[in-house]
C-alpha atoms as a PDB file:
ATOM      1  CA  MET A   1     154.888  44.850 -41.363  1.00  0.00           C
ATOM      2  CA  LEU A   2     152.122  42.134 -41.432  1.00  0.00           C
ATOM      3  CA  GLY A   3     152.457  39.569 -38.769  1.00  0.00           C
ATOM      4  CA  HIS A   4     151.025  36.081 -38.548  1.00  0.00           C
ATOM      5  CA  GLY A   5     148.342  37.398 -36.155  1.00  0.00           C
ATOM      6  CA  ALA A   6     147.276  39.981 -38.748  1.00  0.00           C
ATOM      7  CA  LEU A   7     147.038  37.199 -41.405  1.00  0.00           C
ATOM      8  CA  SER A   8     145.022  34.984 -39.078  1.00  0.00           C
ATOM      9  CA  SER A   9     142.666  37.918 -38.421  1.00  0.00           C
ATOM     10  CA  ALA A  10     142.365  38.544 -42.143  1.00  0.00           C
ATOM     11  CA  VAL A  11     141.593  34.866 -42.901  1.00  0.00           C
ATOM     12  CA  MET A  12     138.881  34.780 -40.193  1.00  0.00           C
ATOM     13  CA  SER A  13     137.208  38.153 -41.068  1.00  0.00           C
ATOM     14  CA  LEU A  14     137.803  38.701 -44.722  1.00  0.00           C
ATOM     15  CA  ASN A  15     135.929  37.265 -47.666  1.00  0.00           C
ATOM     16  CA  PRO A  16     138.439  34.589 -48.845  1.00  0.00           C
ATOM     17  CA  GLN A  17     137.948  35.795 -52.422  1.00  0.00           C
ATOM     18  CA  HIS A  18     139.864  38.960 -51.511  1.00  0.00           C
ATOM     19  CA  LEU A  19     142.949  37.011 -50.511  1.00  0.00           C
ATOM     20  CA  ARG A  20     142.550  34.730 -53.510  1.00  0.00           C
ATOM     21  CA  ALA A  21     142.306  37.711 -55.748  1.00  0.00           C
ATOM     22  CA  PHE A  22     145.493  39.289 -54.323  1.00  0.00           C
ATOM     23  CA  HIS A  23     147.351  35.961 -54.600  1.00  0.00           C
ATOM     24  CA  ALA A  24     146.382  35.436 -58.239  1.00  0.00           C
ATOM     25  CA  VAL A  25     147.312  38.982 -59.224  1.00  0.00           C
ATOM     26  CA  ALA A  26     150.571  38.825 -57.375  1.00  0.00           C
ATOM     27  CA  ILE A  27     151.554  35.642 -59.074  1.00  0.00           C
ATOM     28  CA  GLU A  28     150.533  36.677 -62.545  1.00  0.00           C
ATOM     29  CA  GLY A  29     151.675  40.306 -62.297  1.00  0.00           C
ATOM     30  CA  SER A  30     148.535  41.234 -64.247  1.00  0.00           C
ATOM     31  CA  VAL A  31     144.848  41.692 -63.296  1.00  0.00           C
ATOM     32  CA  SER A  32     143.715  40.499 -66.705  1.00  0.00           C
ATOM     33  CA  ARG A  33     145.767  37.247 -66.570  1.00  0.00           C
ATOM     34  CA  ALA A  34     144.688  36.640 -62.942  1.00  0.00           C
ATOM     35  CA  ALA A  35     141.011  37.076 -63.962  1.00  0.00           C
ATOM     36  CA  ARG A  36     141.444  34.411 -66.654  1.00  0.00           C
ATOM     37  CA  ARG A  37     143.202  32.132 -64.234  1.00  0.00           C
ATOM     38  CA  LEU A  38     140.266  32.403 -61.670  1.00  0.00           C
ATOM     39  CA  GLY A  39     137.526  32.514 -64.288  1.00  0.00           C
ATOM     40  CA  VAL A  40     136.108  35.819 -63.000  1.00  0.00           C
ATOM     41  CA  ALA A  41     135.493  39.211 -64.644  1.00  0.00           C
ATOM     42  CA  GLN A  42     138.395  41.680 -64.549  1.00  0.00           C
ATOM     43  CA  PRO A  43     136.329  44.462 -62.845  1.00  0.00           C
ATOM     44  CA  THR A  44     135.246  41.959 -60.153  1.00  0.00           C
ATOM     45  CA  LEU A  45     138.866  41.030 -59.460  1.00  0.00           C
ATOM     46  CA  SER A  46     139.959  44.726 -59.349  1.00  0.00           C
ATOM     47  CA  GLN A  47     137.191  45.413 -56.822  1.00  0.00           C
ATOM     48  CA  HIS A  48     138.375  42.589 -54.618  1.00  0.00           C
ATOM     49  CA  LEU A  49     141.792  44.148 -54.499  1.00  0.00           C
ATOM     50  CA  ARG A  50     140.529  47.600 -53.766  1.00  0.00           C
ATOM     51  CA  ASN A  51     138.352  46.241 -50.917  1.00  0.00           C
ATOM     52  CA  LEU A  52     141.360  44.475 -49.366  1.00  0.00           C
ATOM     53  CA  GLU A  53     143.577  47.512 -49.520  1.00  0.00           C
ATOM     54  CA  LEU A  54     140.883  49.954 -48.368  1.00  0.00           C
ATOM     55  CA  ARG A  55     139.846  47.788 -45.430  1.00  0.00           C
ATOM     56  CA  TYR A  56     143.450  47.781 -44.007  1.00  0.00           C
ATOM     57  CA  SER A  57     144.562  51.156 -45.405  1.00  0.00           C
ATOM     58  CA  ILE A  58     147.500  49.508 -46.995  1.00  0.00           C
ATOM     59  CA  ALA A  59     149.038  49.485 -50.523  1.00  0.00           C
ATOM     60  CA  LEU A  60     149.888  46.008 -51.819  1.00  0.00           C
ATOM     61  CA  PHE A  61     151.019  47.036 -55.294  1.00  0.00           C
ATOM     62  CA  GLU A  62     153.209  49.967 -56.376  1.00  0.00           C
ATOM     63  CA  ASN A  63     150.958  50.773 -59.301  1.00  0.00           C
ATOM     64  CA  ARG A  64     148.158  49.387 -61.401  1.00  0.00           C
ATOM     65  CA  LYS A  65     150.053  49.066 -64.679  1.00  0.00           C
ATOM     66  CA  PRO A  66     151.402  45.638 -65.674  1.00  0.00           C
ATOM     67  CA  PRO A  67     153.763  44.150 -64.824  1.00  0.00           C
ATOM     68  CA  LEU A  68     152.449  44.975 -61.347  1.00  0.00           C
ATOM     69  CA  GLN A  69     155.109  45.402 -58.657  1.00  0.00           C
ATOM     70  CA  LEU A  70     154.463  44.443 -55.084  1.00  0.00           C
ATOM     71  CA  THR A  71     155.124  46.781 -52.181  1.00  0.00           C
ATOM     72  CA  SER A  72     157.051  45.416 -49.206  1.00  0.00           C
ATOM     73  CA  ALA A  73     153.732  44.571 -47.489  1.00  0.00           C
ATOM     74  CA  GLY A  74     152.546  42.900 -50.631  1.00  0.00           C
ATOM     75  CA  ARG A  75     155.647  40.791 -50.868  1.00  0.00           C
ATOM     76  CA  GLU A  76     155.260  39.714 -47.223  1.00  0.00           C
ATOM     77  CA  LEU A  77     151.588  38.925 -47.807  1.00  0.00           C
ATOM     78  CA  LEU A  78     152.447  36.843 -50.879  1.00  0.00           C
ATOM     79  CA  VAL A  79     154.735  34.595 -48.841  1.00  0.00           C
ATOM     80  CA  MET A  80     151.808  33.995 -46.400  1.00  0.00           C
ATOM     81  CA  THR A  81     149.200  33.425 -49.098  1.00  0.00           C
ATOM     82  CA  ARG A  82     151.450  30.780 -50.784  1.00  0.00           C
ATOM     83  CA  GLN A  83     151.562  29.009 -47.454  1.00  0.00           C
ATOM     84  CA  LEU A  84     147.871  29.501 -46.832  1.00  0.00           C
ATOM     85  CA  PHE A  85     146.638  28.124 -50.176  1.00  0.00           C
ATOM     86  CA  SER A  86     149.197  25.343 -50.152  1.00  0.00           C
ATOM     87  CA  LEU A  87     147.837  24.278 -46.751  1.00  0.00           C
ATOM     88  CA  GLN A  88     144.336  24.630 -47.983  1.00  0.00           C
ATOM     89  CA  ASP A  89     145.089  22.304 -50.887  1.00  0.00           C
ATOM     90  CA  GLN A  90     146.596  19.758 -48.512  1.00  0.00           C
ATOM     91  CA  ILE A  91     143.506  19.896 -46.349  1.00  0.00           C
ATOM     92  CA  GLU A  92     141.298  19.370 -49.376  1.00  0.00           C
ATOM     93  CA  THR A  93     143.389  16.316 -50.276  1.00  0.00           C
ATOM     94  CA  VAL A  94     142.955  14.801 -46.837  1.00  0.00           C
ATOM     95  CA  LEU A  95     139.242  15.543 -46.611  1.00  0.00           C
ATOM     96  CA  GLY A  96     138.461  14.978 -50.318  1.00  0.00           C
ATOM     97  CA  GLY A  97     136.010  12.136 -50.749  1.00  0.00           C
ATOM     98  CA  ALA A  98     134.160  11.903 -54.003  1.00  0.00           C
ATOM     99  CA  ILE A  99     136.313  13.910 -56.312  1.00  0.00           C
ATOM    100  CA  ASP A 100     133.902  13.603 -59.188  1.00  0.00           C
ATOM    101  CA  ALA A 101     131.356  15.911 -57.561  1.00  0.00           C
ATOM    102  CA  GLU A 102     133.925  18.674 -57.329  1.00  0.00           C
ATOM    103  CA  VAL A 103     135.574  18.279 -60.729  1.00  0.00           C
ATOM    104  CA  GLY A 104     134.507  20.978 -63.163  1.00  0.00           C
ATOM    105  CA  GLU A 105     135.090  21.693 -66.859  1.00  0.00           C
ATOM    106  CA  LEU A 106     138.580  20.848 -68.148  1.00  0.00           C
ATOM    107  CA  ARG A 107     140.463  22.989 -70.636  1.00  0.00           C
ATOM    108  CA  LEU A 108     143.468  21.010 -71.997  1.00  0.00           C
ATOM    109  CA  GLY A 109     146.184  22.230 -74.389  1.00  0.00           C
ATOM    110  CA  SER A 110     148.581  19.849 -76.122  1.00  0.00           C
ATOM    111  CA  ASP A 111     151.400  19.831 -78.711  1.00  0.00           C
ATOM    112  CA  SER A 112     150.518  16.174 -79.410  1.00  0.00           C
ATOM    113  CA  PRO A 113     147.068  15.347 -80.787  1.00  0.00           C
ATOM    114  CA  ILE A 114     147.617  11.666 -80.153  1.00  0.00           C
ATOM    115  CA  TYR A 115     148.429  11.969 -76.501  1.00  0.00           C
ATOM    116  CA  ALA A 116     145.738  14.578 -75.917  1.00  0.00           C
ATOM    117  CA  ALA A 117     143.175  12.019 -77.262  1.00  0.00           C
ATOM    118  CA  ARG A 118     144.641   9.226 -75.154  1.00  0.00           C
ATOM    119  CA  LEU A 119     144.598  11.303 -72.011  1.00  0.00           C
ATOM    120  CA  VAL A 120     141.088  12.539 -72.586  1.00  0.00           C
ATOM    121  CA  ALA A 121     139.928   8.939 -73.113  1.00  0.00           C
ATOM    122  CA  SER A 122     141.487   7.869 -69.858  1.00  0.00           C
ATOM    123  CA  TYR A 123     139.955  10.864 -68.028  1.00  0.00           C
ATOM    124  CA  HIS A 124     136.535  10.472 -69.663  1.00  0.00           C
ATOM    125  CA  SER A 125     136.379   6.799 -68.609  1.00  0.00           C
ATOM    126  CA  VAL A 126     136.263   7.902 -64.961  1.00  0.00           C
ATOM    127  CA  HIS A 127     134.444  11.298 -65.386  1.00  0.00           C
ATOM    128  CA  PRO A 128     132.126  10.714 -68.430  1.00  0.00           C
ATOM    129  CA  SER A 129     129.747  13.656 -67.578  1.00  0.00           C
ATOM    130  CA  LYS A 130     132.450  16.293 -67.370  1.00  0.00           C
ATOM    131  CA  LEU A 131     132.980  18.736 -70.271  1.00  0.00           C
ATOM    132  CA  VAL A 132     136.435  18.745 -71.914  1.00  0.00           C
ATOM    133  CA  HIS A 133     137.850  21.323 -74.325  1.00  0.00           C
ATOM    134  CA  VAL A 134     141.122  20.553 -76.206  1.00  0.00           C
ATOM    135  CA  ARG A 135     143.340  23.063 -77.989  1.00  0.00           C
ATOM    136  CA  ILE A 136     146.185  21.824 -80.189  1.00  0.00           C
ATOM    137  CA  GLY A 137     149.283  24.006 -80.818  1.00  0.00           C
ATOM    138  CA  ASN A 138     153.061  23.880 -80.837  1.00  0.00           C
ATOM    139  CA  ALA A 139     155.083  23.639 -77.584  1.00  0.00           C
ATOM    140  CA  ASN A 140     155.601  27.454 -77.324  1.00  0.00           C
ATOM    141  CA  GLU A 141     151.867  28.146 -77.805  1.00  0.00           C
ATOM    142  CA  VAL A 142     150.843  25.506 -75.239  1.00  0.00           C
ATOM    143  CA  ASN A 143     153.226  26.886 -72.593  1.00  0.00           C
ATOM    144  CA  SER A 144     151.882  30.400 -73.279  1.00  0.00           C
ATOM    145  CA  TRP A 145     148.257  29.245 -72.891  1.00  0.00           C
ATOM    146  CA  LEU A 146     149.001  27.608 -69.534  1.00  0.00           C
ATOM    147  CA  LYS A 147     150.888  30.585 -68.102  1.00  0.00           C
ATOM    148  CA  ASN A 148     148.144  32.941 -69.271  1.00  0.00           C
ATOM    149  CA  ALA A 149     145.475  30.733 -67.644  1.00  0.00           C
ATOM    150  CA  GLU A 150     143.825  30.139 -70.963  1.00  0.00           C
ATOM    151  CA  ILE A 151     143.894  26.407 -70.237  1.00  0.00           C
ATOM    152  CA  ASP A 152     143.882  24.337 -67.038  1.00  0.00           C
ATOM    153  CA  ALA A 153     146.578  21.844 -67.994  1.00  0.00           C
ATOM    154  CA  ALA A 154     148.987  21.137 -70.842  1.00  0.00           C
ATOM    155  CA  ILE A 155     150.674  18.240 -72.564  1.00  0.00           C
ATOM    156  CA  CYS A 156     154.064  19.443 -73.761  1.00  0.00           C
ATOM    157  CA  SER A 157     157.353  17.868 -74.868  1.00  0.00           C
ATOM    158  CA  ASP A 158     160.585  18.725 -73.091  1.00  0.00           C
ATOM    159  CA  PRO A 159     159.379  21.972 -71.527  1.00  0.00           C
ATOM    160  CA  ALA A 160     161.775  24.371 -69.792  1.00  0.00           C
ATOM    161  CA  GLY A 161     161.786  24.051 -66.090  1.00  0.00           C
ATOM    162  CA  ASP A 162     159.655  26.580 -64.134  1.00  0.00           C
ATOM    163  CA  ASP A 163     159.086  26.668 -60.370  1.00  0.00           C
ATOM    164  CA  GLN A 164     155.472  27.752 -60.925  1.00  0.00           C
ATOM    165  CA  ILE A 165     154.649  24.669 -62.943  1.00  0.00           C
ATOM    166  CA  HIS A 166     153.981  21.106 -61.760  1.00  0.00           C
ATOM    167  CA  TYR A 167     155.173  18.356 -64.094  1.00  0.00           C
ATOM    168  CA  GLN A 168     154.481  14.660 -64.490  1.00  0.00           C
ATOM    169  CA  VAL A 169     156.083  12.429 -67.201  1.00  0.00           C
ATOM    170  CA  ILE A 170     153.473  10.683 -69.341  1.00  0.00           C
ATOM    171  CA  TYR A 171     155.412   9.376 -72.276  1.00  0.00           C
ATOM    172  CA  ARG A 172     158.704   9.118 -74.124  1.00  0.00           C
ATOM    173  CA  ASP A 173     159.087   8.921 -77.863  1.00  0.00           C
ATOM    174  CA  GLU A 174     161.749   8.805 -80.594  1.00  0.00           C
ATOM    175  CA  LEU A 175     162.036   9.690 -84.256  1.00  0.00           C
ATOM    176  CA  ALA A 176     161.024   7.138 -86.971  1.00  0.00           C
ATOM    177  CA  ALA A 177     161.243   7.229 -90.840  1.00  0.00           C
ATOM    178  CA  ALA A 178     158.030   7.506 -92.975  1.00  0.00           C
ATOM    179  CA  LEU A 179     158.456   5.910 -96.362  1.00  0.00           C
ATOM    180  CA  PRO A 180     156.169   5.335 -99.343  1.00  0.00           C
ATOM    181  CA  ARG A 181     155.193   1.603 -99.162  1.00  0.00           C
ATOM    182  CA  ARG A 182     156.857   0.935-102.484  1.00  0.00           C
ATOM    183  CA  HIS A 183     160.073   2.704-101.579  1.00  0.00           C
ATOM    184  CA  SER A 184     163.240   0.538-101.825  1.00  0.00           C
ATOM    185  CA  LEU A 185     164.011   1.262 -98.146  1.00  0.00           C
ATOM    186  CA  ALA A 186     160.649   0.085 -96.964  1.00  0.00           C
ATOM    187  CA  CYS A 187     161.892  -3.514 -96.949  1.00  0.00           C
ATOM    188  CA  GLU A 188     164.481  -2.715 -94.311  1.00  0.00           C
ATOM    189  CA  GLU A 189     163.617  -3.528 -90.686  1.00  0.00           C
ATOM    190  CA  ARG A 190     165.744  -0.614 -89.534  1.00  0.00           C
ATOM    191  CA  VAL A 191     166.893   2.112 -91.907  1.00  0.00           C
ATOM    192  CA  PRO A 192     170.379   3.574 -91.615  1.00  0.00           C
ATOM    193  CA  VAL A 193     170.235   7.400 -91.577  1.00  0.00           C
ATOM    194  CA  SER A 194     172.929   7.515 -94.309  1.00  0.00           C
ATOM    195  CA  ALA A 195     170.453   5.896 -96.731  1.00  0.00           C
ATOM    196  CA  PHE A 196     168.478   9.181 -96.914  1.00  0.00           C
ATOM    197  CA  THR A 197     171.309  10.858 -98.945  1.00  0.00           C
ATOM    198  CA  GLY A 198     169.766  12.535-101.982  1.00  0.00           C
ATOM    199  CA  GLU A 199     166.171  11.785-100.992  1.00  0.00           C
ATOM    200  CA  THR A 200     163.315  14.286-101.370  1.00  0.00           C
ATOM    201  CA  LEU A 201     162.601  15.357 -97.838  1.00  0.00           C
ATOM    202  CA  LEU A 202     159.163  16.551 -96.640  1.00  0.00           C
ATOM    203  CA  LEU A 203     159.414  18.962 -93.722  1.00  0.00           C
ATOM    204  CA  ARG A 204     157.166  20.879 -91.312  1.00  0.00           C
ATOM    205  CA  GLU A 205     157.409  24.660 -90.725  1.00  0.00           C
ATOM    206  CA  ALA A 206     160.632  26.137 -89.249  1.00  0.00           C
ATOM    207  CA  THR A 207     159.246  26.241 -85.717  1.00  0.00           C
ATOM    208  CA  SER A 208     158.349  22.536 -85.706  1.00  0.00           C
ATOM    209  CA  ARG A 209     160.054  20.400 -83.041  1.00  0.00           C
ATOM    210  CA  THR A 210     160.033  17.444 -85.424  1.00  0.00           C
ATOM    211  CA  ARG A 211     161.834  19.424 -88.181  1.00  0.00           C
ATOM    212  CA  ARG A 212     164.494  20.685 -85.794  1.00  0.00           C
ATOM    213  CA  ALA A 213     165.220  17.189 -84.591  1.00  0.00           C
ATOM    214  CA  THR A 214     165.252  15.836 -88.167  1.00  0.00           C
ATOM    215  CA  GLU A 215     167.677  18.511 -89.243  1.00  0.00           C
ATOM    216  CA  ARG A 216     170.014  17.948 -86.304  1.00  0.00           C
ATOM    217  CA  MET A 217     170.016  14.176 -86.917  1.00  0.00           C
ATOM    218  CA  LEU A 218     170.838  14.505 -90.660  1.00  0.00           C
ATOM    219  CA  GLU A 219     173.594  17.154 -90.022  1.00  0.00           C
ATOM    220  CA  ALA A 220     175.194  14.949 -87.278  1.00  0.00           C
ATOM    221  CA  ALA A 221     175.301  12.072 -89.763  1.00  0.00           C
ATOM    222  CA  GLY A 222     176.615  14.241 -92.592  1.00  0.00           C
ATOM    223  CA  VAL A 223     173.665  13.412 -94.771  1.00  0.00           C
ATOM    224  CA  VAL A 224     172.845  15.787 -97.631  1.00  0.00           C
ATOM    225  CA  VAL A 225     169.328  15.300 -98.969  1.00  0.00           C
ATOM    226  CA  GLY A 226     167.969  16.337-102.322  1.00  0.00           C
ATOM    227  CA  THR A 227     164.916  18.572-102.647  1.00  0.00           C
ATOM    228  CA  CYS A 228     163.106  19.780 -99.587  1.00  0.00           C
ATOM    229  CA  ILE A 229     159.373  20.447 -99.722  1.00  0.00           C
ATOM    230  CA  HIS A 230     157.593  22.169 -96.784  1.00  0.00           C
ATOM    231  CA  PHE A 231     154.144  21.519 -95.423  1.00  0.00           C
ATOM    232  CA  HIS A 232     152.360  23.082 -92.430  1.00  0.00           C
ATOM    233  CA  THR A 233     150.713  20.040 -90.926  1.00  0.00           C
ATOM    234  CA  ARG A 234     151.580  16.440 -90.130  1.00  0.00           C
ATOM    235  CA  GLU A 235     148.540  15.337 -92.012  1.00  0.00           C
ATOM    236  CA  ALA A 236     149.663  16.977 -95.263  1.00  0.00           C
ATOM    237  CA  ILE A 237     153.147  15.435 -94.942  1.00  0.00           C
ATOM    238  CA  ARG A 238     151.696  11.916 -94.301  1.00  0.00           C
ATOM    239  CA  GLU A 239     149.498  12.234 -97.431  1.00  0.00           C
ATOM    240  CA  ALA A 240     152.505  13.384 -99.453  1.00  0.00           C
ATOM    241  CA  VAL A 241     154.545  10.441 -98.317  1.00  0.00           C
ATOM    242  CA  ALA A 242     151.678   8.094 -99.177  1.00  0.00           C
ATOM    243  CA  LEU A 243     151.572   9.596-102.676  1.00  0.00           C
ATOM    244  CA  GLY A 244     155.225   8.930-103.156  1.00  0.00           C
ATOM    245  CA  LEU A 245     156.335  12.583-103.160  1.00  0.00           C
ATOM    246  CA  GLY A 246     159.197  12.010-100.759  1.00  0.00           C
ATOM    247  CA  VAL A 247     160.209  10.741 -97.340  1.00  0.00           C
ATOM    248  CA  SER A 248     159.888  12.238 -93.924  1.00  0.00           C
ATOM    249  CA  PHE A 249     160.325  11.612 -90.197  1.00  0.00           C
ATOM    250  CA  PHE A 250     157.802  11.499 -87.381  1.00  0.00           C
ATOM    251  CA  TYR A 251     157.832  10.648 -83.756  1.00  0.00           C
ATOM    252  CA  SER A 252     156.394   7.189 -83.316  1.00  0.00           C
ATOM    253  CA  ALA A 253     153.124   8.348 -81.652  1.00  0.00           C
ATOM    254  CA  GLU A 254     152.395  10.398 -84.763  1.00  0.00           C
ATOM    255  CA  CYS A 255     152.437   7.345 -87.045  1.00  0.00           C
ATOM    256  CA  PRO A 256     148.813   6.163 -87.445  1.00  0.00           C
ATOM    257  CA  PRO A 257     148.371   3.020 -89.565  1.00  0.00           C
ATOM    258  CA  ASP A 258     148.231   3.647 -93.271  1.00  0.00           C
ATOM    259  CA  GLU A 259     148.710   0.784 -95.762  1.00  0.00           C
ATOM    260  CA  ARG A 260     150.393   3.225 -98.147  1.00  0.00           C
ATOM    261  CA  ILE A 261     153.084   4.224 -95.660  1.00  0.00           C
ATOM    262  CA  ALA A 262     155.893   2.158 -94.095  1.00  0.00           C
ATOM    263  CA  TYR A 263     157.223   3.459 -90.744  1.00  0.00           C
ATOM    264  CA  ARG A 264     160.631   2.163 -89.847  1.00  0.00           C
ATOM    265  CA  PRO A 265     162.999   2.751 -86.911  1.00  0.00           C
ATOM    266  CA  ILE A 266     166.347   4.535 -87.683  1.00  0.00           C
ATOM    267  CA  SER A 267     169.829   3.290 -87.019  1.00  0.00           C
ATOM    268  CA  ALA A 268     172.651   5.818 -86.553  1.00  0.00           C
ATOM    269  CA  LEU A 269     176.008   6.172 -84.924  1.00  0.00           C
ATOM    270  CA  VAL A 270     174.488   8.578 -82.428  1.00  0.00           C
ATOM    271  CA  PRO A 271     171.165   8.060 -80.602  1.00  0.00           C
ATOM    272  CA  CYS A 272     168.125   9.038 -82.599  1.00  0.00           C
ATOM    273  CA  PRO A 273     166.311  12.191 -81.430  1.00  0.00           C
ATOM    274  CA  SER A 274     163.912  11.465 -78.698  1.00  0.00           C
ATOM    275  CA  PHE A 275     161.816  13.553 -76.233  1.00  0.00           C
ATOM    276  CA  THR A 276     159.852  13.220 -73.058  1.00  0.00           C
ATOM    277  CA  GLY A 277     156.225  14.355 -72.829  1.00  0.00           C
ATOM    278  CA  PHE A 278     154.868  15.938 -69.629  1.00  0.00           C
ATOM    279  CA  LEU A 279     151.465  16.781 -68.270  1.00  0.00           C
ATOM    280  CA  MET A 280     151.723  20.169 -66.609  1.00  0.00           C
ATOM    281  CA  CYS A 281     149.601  22.517 -64.521  1.00  0.00           C
ATOM    282  CA  LEU A 282     150.167  25.513 -62.401  1.00  0.00           C
ATOM    283  CA  ALA A 283     151.884  24.413 -59.176  1.00  0.00           C
ATOM    284  CA  GLU A 284     149.388  26.147 -57.011  1.00  0.00           C
ATOM    285  CA  ARG A 285     146.515  24.176 -58.608  1.00  0.00           C
ATOM    286  CA  ARG A 286     148.059  20.692 -58.513  1.00  0.00           C
ATOM    287  CA  ARG A 287     146.013  19.629 -55.490  1.00  0.00           C
ATOM    288  CA  SER A 288     142.693  21.007 -56.760  1.00  0.00           C
ATOM    289  CA  PRO A 289     139.993  18.314 -57.432  1.00  0.00           C
ATOM    290  CA  LEU A 290     140.209  18.907 -61.176  1.00  0.00           C
ATOM    291  CA  MET A 291     144.002  18.480 -61.371  1.00  0.00           C
ATOM    292  CA  ARG A 292     144.012  15.469 -58.981  1.00  0.00           C
ATOM    293  CA  ALA A 293     141.444  13.855 -61.289  1.00  0.00           C
ATOM    294  CA  LEU A 294     143.401  14.641 -64.482  1.00  0.00           C
ATOM    295  CA  PHE A 295     146.804  13.542 -63.103  1.00  0.00           C
ATOM    296  CA  ALA A 296     145.241  10.306 -61.815  1.00  0.00           C
ATOM    297  CA  ALA A 297     143.951   9.668 -65.328  1.00  0.00           C
ATOM    298  CA  ALA A 298     147.506  10.335 -66.650  1.00  0.00           C
ATOM    299  CA  THR A 299     148.995   7.861 -64.152  1.00  0.00           C
ATOM    300  CA  ASP A 300     146.484   5.325 -65.279  1.00  0.00           C
ATOM    301  CA  LEU A 301     147.305   5.974 -68.895  1.00  0.00           C
ATOM    302  CA  THR A 302     151.030   5.479 -68.471  1.00  0.00           C
ATOM    303  CA  ARG A 303     150.478   2.317 -66.424  1.00  0.00           C
ATOM    304  CA  HIS A 304     148.518   0.733 -69.331  1.00  0.00           C
ATOM    305  CA  SER A 305     150.299   2.323 -72.303  1.00  0.00           C
ATOM    306  CA  PRO A 306     151.753   0.011 -74.861  1.00  0.00           C
ATOM    307  CA  LEU A 307     154.271   2.659 -75.860  1.00  0.00           C
ATOM    308  CA  PRO A 308     157.786   2.772 -74.313  1.00  0.00           C
ATOM    309  CA  LEU A 309     157.979   4.902 -71.189  1.00  0.00           C
END
């Protein structure tokens, strides 16, 4: 059994990278994922683990094949490293002065190009010299990137709850109709969902959150549309609407001004589909200088956002 005295001795005498390596691998269950999370080479991380186990003649993992399983000593050490690094983050928060000097390169993933751009603008206004890389994907892809440490933080709509993830609400949005400017319904201030009966409907791919919400809304209202035409991107659908090919539905943040398109709110007997967008990071990193800077930018964004929150 490892006691608190043993942990204190380890903290004082060990290279902290060894404990950090163990902690990351234990959380991820994979050396390769842990290496991506920490931004180090996989052989380097494996060597840190070997050094830790050899120094104390103890096995922390049952084997070296993923998913890695902790031994009883490994499980006990993980409880302690969670406490250790949580306390370290709290100390950094107390002592942290000029965050900008500590903030490094940011890798952001998002299922919303609009909100990704808005958040980056807010972040860049405070940290203009810092490098930012943005990846756009659907909600499932973004969640996967975050958990595999391919990105530092994510913007995602209505994610599933996970104790290993830290969440902050940054926006709420609801579905709106997109109509060709000369469409007969474009003169309406609010379009009843029943009015779309028989219309040509332009839809995203089957995995699209917007498509699923659209289909649920129409089904709940008993609306049977005419022809359905599928496109892979929002941009293609907006252009098709502008050309008069059919009608579609977007969340309001995905409705950039276009004089050829009329965006209208929808009226229905049941509430229109809506969702909440979150900024997310791994819980163990939420007090790091980079995440503190990003979440502060998100707070500033929501405080000044003209969109409903």
